[in-house]
Protein backbone atom coordinates (compact mmCIF):
# COMPACT_ATOMS: atom_id res chain seq x y z
CA MET A 1 121.95 73.74 60.65
CA ASP A 2 120.75 73.28 64.31
CA SER A 3 118.56 75.93 65.87
CA ASP A 4 117.92 76.67 69.49
CA PRO A 5 114.63 75.24 70.76
CA ASP A 6 111.73 77.48 71.69
CA PRO A 7 112.52 78.72 75.27
CA THR A 8 108.87 78.25 76.23
CA THR A 9 108.91 74.63 75.38
CA PRO A 10 110.12 72.29 78.22
CA LEU A 11 112.77 69.88 77.32
CA ASN A 12 112.87 66.33 78.41
CA ALA A 13 115.90 64.25 79.49
CA ASP A 14 116.26 62.65 76.04
CA SER A 15 116.79 65.97 74.17
CA ASN A 16 119.95 66.51 72.31
CA ALA A 17 119.70 70.35 72.47
CA ALA A 18 122.77 72.23 73.62
CA HIS A 19 120.82 74.29 76.05
CA SER A 20 118.40 73.14 78.70
CA PHE A 21 115.41 75.43 79.48
CA ALA A 22 113.15 75.03 82.47
CA PRO A 23 109.38 75.08 81.88
CA ILE A 24 107.76 78.46 82.07
CA ARG A 25 105.92 78.71 85.38
CA PRO A 26 103.06 81.14 85.96
CA PRO A 27 104.19 84.34 87.78
CA ALA A 28 104.33 84.17 91.57
CA VAL A 29 102.70 86.61 93.95
CA ARG A 30 104.73 89.70 94.74
CA VAL A 31 104.79 91.13 98.26
CA THR A 32 105.58 94.56 99.62
CA MET A 33 105.94 94.86 103.48
CA LEU A 34 106.45 98.00 105.59
CA LEU A 35 106.59 98.47 109.28
CA ALA A 36 104.79 101.58 110.62
CA ASP A 37 103.34 103.25 113.64
CA SER A 38 100.02 102.12 112.33
CA ALA A 39 98.35 100.99 109.08
CA GLN A 40 94.77 100.59 107.93
CA VAL A 41 92.93 99.23 104.82
CA ALA A 42 90.11 101.32 103.35
CA ASP A 43 88.60 101.16 99.86
CA GLY A 44 91.22 98.67 98.75
CA LYS A 45 94.12 100.89 99.72
CA LEU A 46 96.73 100.86 102.51
CA TYR A 47 96.87 104.01 104.73
CA ILE A 48 100.14 104.13 106.57
CA LEU A 49 101.22 106.41 109.39
CA GLY A 50 104.86 106.66 110.26
CA GLY A 51 105.94 104.09 107.67
CA GLY A 52 109.47 102.75 107.33
CA LEU A 53 110.19 101.87 110.90
CA THR A 54 113.56 100.02 111.48
CA ALA A 55 114.02 100.92 115.12
CA ILE A 56 111.55 101.29 117.99
CA GLY A 57 111.56 101.98 121.63
CA PRO A 58 113.02 101.75 124.18
CA ARG A 59 109.61 102.29 125.58
CA PRO A 60 106.70 100.08 124.41
CA GLN A 61 104.96 101.54 121.33
CA PRO A 62 102.35 100.54 118.83
CA MET A 63 103.42 98.86 115.53
CA GLY A 64 101.71 98.19 112.33
CA VAL A 65 102.64 95.83 109.62
CA ALA A 66 101.45 96.91 106.24
CA ILE A 67 101.40 94.30 103.49
CA ARG A 68 100.48 94.57 99.82
CA ILE A 69 100.12 91.27 97.97
CA GLU A 70 100.15 91.47 94.19
CA VAL A 71 98.24 88.49 92.69
CA PRO A 72 98.55 87.72 88.99
CA TRP A 73 95.41 88.11 86.89
CA ASP A 74 95.19 84.30 86.24
CA ARG A 75 95.19 83.54 90.01
CA ALA A 76 92.04 85.56 90.76
CA ASN A 77 89.34 83.95 92.85
CA VAL A 78 91.70 81.43 94.44
CA ALA A 79 91.80 81.32 98.25
CA HIS A 80 95.18 81.64 99.92
CA GLN A 81 96.25 81.37 103.58
CA TRP A 82 98.67 83.96 104.91
CA ARG A 83 100.68 84.02 108.14
CA ILE A 84 103.15 86.33 109.78
CA ASP A 85 105.54 85.23 112.48
CA LEU A 86 107.65 87.44 114.78
CA LEU A 87 111.11 85.90 114.91
CA ASP A 88 114.06 86.71 117.23
CA GLU A 89 117.66 87.25 116.20
CA ASP A 90 118.20 83.53 116.08
CA GLY A 91 115.16 82.89 113.82
CA HIS A 92 113.12 81.41 116.59
CA PRO A 93 109.53 82.54 117.17
CA LEU A 94 109.02 85.14 119.78
CA MET A 95 107.05 83.61 122.63
CA VAL A 96 104.28 85.40 124.39
CA ARG A 97 102.76 83.58 127.35
CA ASP A 98 104.41 80.33 126.12
CA LYS A 99 102.76 80.64 122.57
CA PRO A 100 104.58 82.05 119.43
CA LEU A 101 103.45 85.49 118.22
CA ILE A 102 101.65 84.54 115.00
CA VAL A 103 98.84 86.22 113.05
CA HIS A 104 97.13 84.49 110.23
CA GLY A 105 94.20 84.79 107.89
CA ARG A 106 92.87 84.10 104.44
CA PHE A 107 92.68 86.21 101.22
CA GLU A 108 91.17 85.88 97.84
CA ALA A 109 91.75 88.47 95.05
CA GLY A 110 88.77 89.11 92.90
CA ARG A 111 88.69 90.76 89.54
CA PRO A 112 86.90 94.17 89.69
CA ALA A 113 84.53 95.03 86.85
CA GLY A 114 86.16 97.01 84.09
CA LEU A 115 89.78 96.12 85.00
CA LYS A 116 91.91 95.52 81.95
CA PRO A 117 92.62 91.71 81.48
CA GLY A 118 96.17 90.89 82.73
CA THR A 119 96.32 93.71 85.28
CA PRO A 120 97.83 92.44 88.66
CA LEU A 121 95.37 92.31 91.55
CA SER A 122 96.21 94.08 94.75
CA VAL A 123 95.39 92.61 98.22
CA PRO A 124 96.18 95.00 101.05
CA LEU A 125 96.52 93.82 104.67
CA ALA A 126 97.15 95.86 107.81
CA ILE A 127 97.98 94.18 111.11
CA ASN A 128 98.25 96.45 114.23
CA PHE A 129 99.76 95.78 117.68
CA PRO A 130 99.25 98.04 120.71
CA THR A 131 102.77 97.10 121.79
CA ILE A 132 105.37 94.49 120.82
CA PRO A 133 106.78 92.37 123.70
CA ALA A 134 110.34 92.81 122.58
CA GLN A 135 113.53 93.03 124.64
CA GLN A 136 115.60 96.20 124.53
CA GLY A 137 118.78 95.96 122.52
CA LYS A 138 117.48 93.01 120.45
CA SER A 139 116.45 92.69 116.74
CA TYR A 140 113.38 91.01 115.45
CA THR A 141 111.92 89.98 112.05
CA TRP A 142 108.38 89.75 110.76
CA GLN A 143 108.26 86.81 108.33
CA LEU A 144 105.28 86.35 105.99
CA SER A 145 104.25 83.15 104.49
CA ILE A 146 101.54 82.44 101.87
CA ASP A 147 100.09 78.82 101.60
CA GLY A 148 103.11 77.68 103.67
CA ALA A 149 105.74 79.15 101.39
CA THR A 150 108.01 82.07 102.13
CA ARG A 151 110.76 84.07 100.51
CA VAL A 152 113.73 86.13 101.71
CA ASP A 153 112.06 89.32 100.51
CA TRP A 154 108.89 88.60 102.49
CA ARG A 155 110.64 89.86 105.70
CA GLN A 156 110.90 93.03 107.51
CA SER A 157 113.23 93.55 110.48
CA PHE A 158 113.40 96.06 113.30
CA HIS A 159 115.63 96.81 116.30
CA MET A 160 114.37 97.55 119.84
CA ARG A 161 116.59 100.39 121.13
CA ALA A 162 118.27 99.89 124.47
CA GLY A 163 117.11 102.20 127.21
CA GLN A 164 119.11 105.12 128.49
CA PRO A 165 120.82 104.63 131.87
CA ALA A 166 118.68 105.87 134.69
CA PRO A 167 119.69 109.34 136.00
CA PRO A 168 121.33 109.34 139.43
CA THR A 169 118.88 109.59 142.29
CA GLY A 170 119.22 112.07 145.16
CA PRO A 171 119.09 115.82 145.58
CA PRO A 172 120.69 118.03 142.97
CA PRO A 173 124.08 119.48 143.82
CA ALA A 174 123.96 122.73 145.99
CA ALA A 175 124.94 126.06 144.38
CA ASN A 176 128.15 127.60 145.54
CA PRO A 177 127.00 130.72 147.61
CA SER A 178 130.52 132.30 147.23
CA ASP A 179 130.13 132.32 143.33
CA PRO A 180 126.57 133.10 142.32
CA GLY A 181 127.45 133.23 138.56
CA ARG A 182 128.82 129.67 138.60
CA LEU A 183 126.66 126.63 137.90
CA PRO A 184 127.13 123.54 140.06
CA GLY A 185 128.93 120.66 138.41
CA LEU A 186 130.41 122.91 135.50
CA ASP A 187 134.09 123.35 136.63
């Protein structure tokens, strides 16, 4: 009687097993991103003001990108490079003074004393911008990459609202002196 192989054991090409199993890989980092009016890191925690932005403007305003990276226990004390790019609707980098808007840095998760073995390690990041040089009526996406790799769920998009049409210039309409109870323009 045949039995299924152990799913944690990789199979080679010569195997006669009915099922093929991929080797077990160590768990990947998990990422949570949130757009906000501002964000800050203190005591290993993210403090977020006005979180959950999906639309801004039409006037320039500050924006924060809050990121929490969850690192598996077995990947502690390993240095990683992170980078966020601001992309336009076509997936191209947003250019500011002929350079792409990119922010990058390095992180390394350490194991705090007394933490239960196997507990995921949290790395909070907060990146704030006084304004975003975005065009009204357009959508943009912040894309995170870690060690040159990225995933679809490591993205946060927002829309820059279009401005309101300018009010007409010139003096306001004159009141009708023959009907003092009537407001101008409300016929």
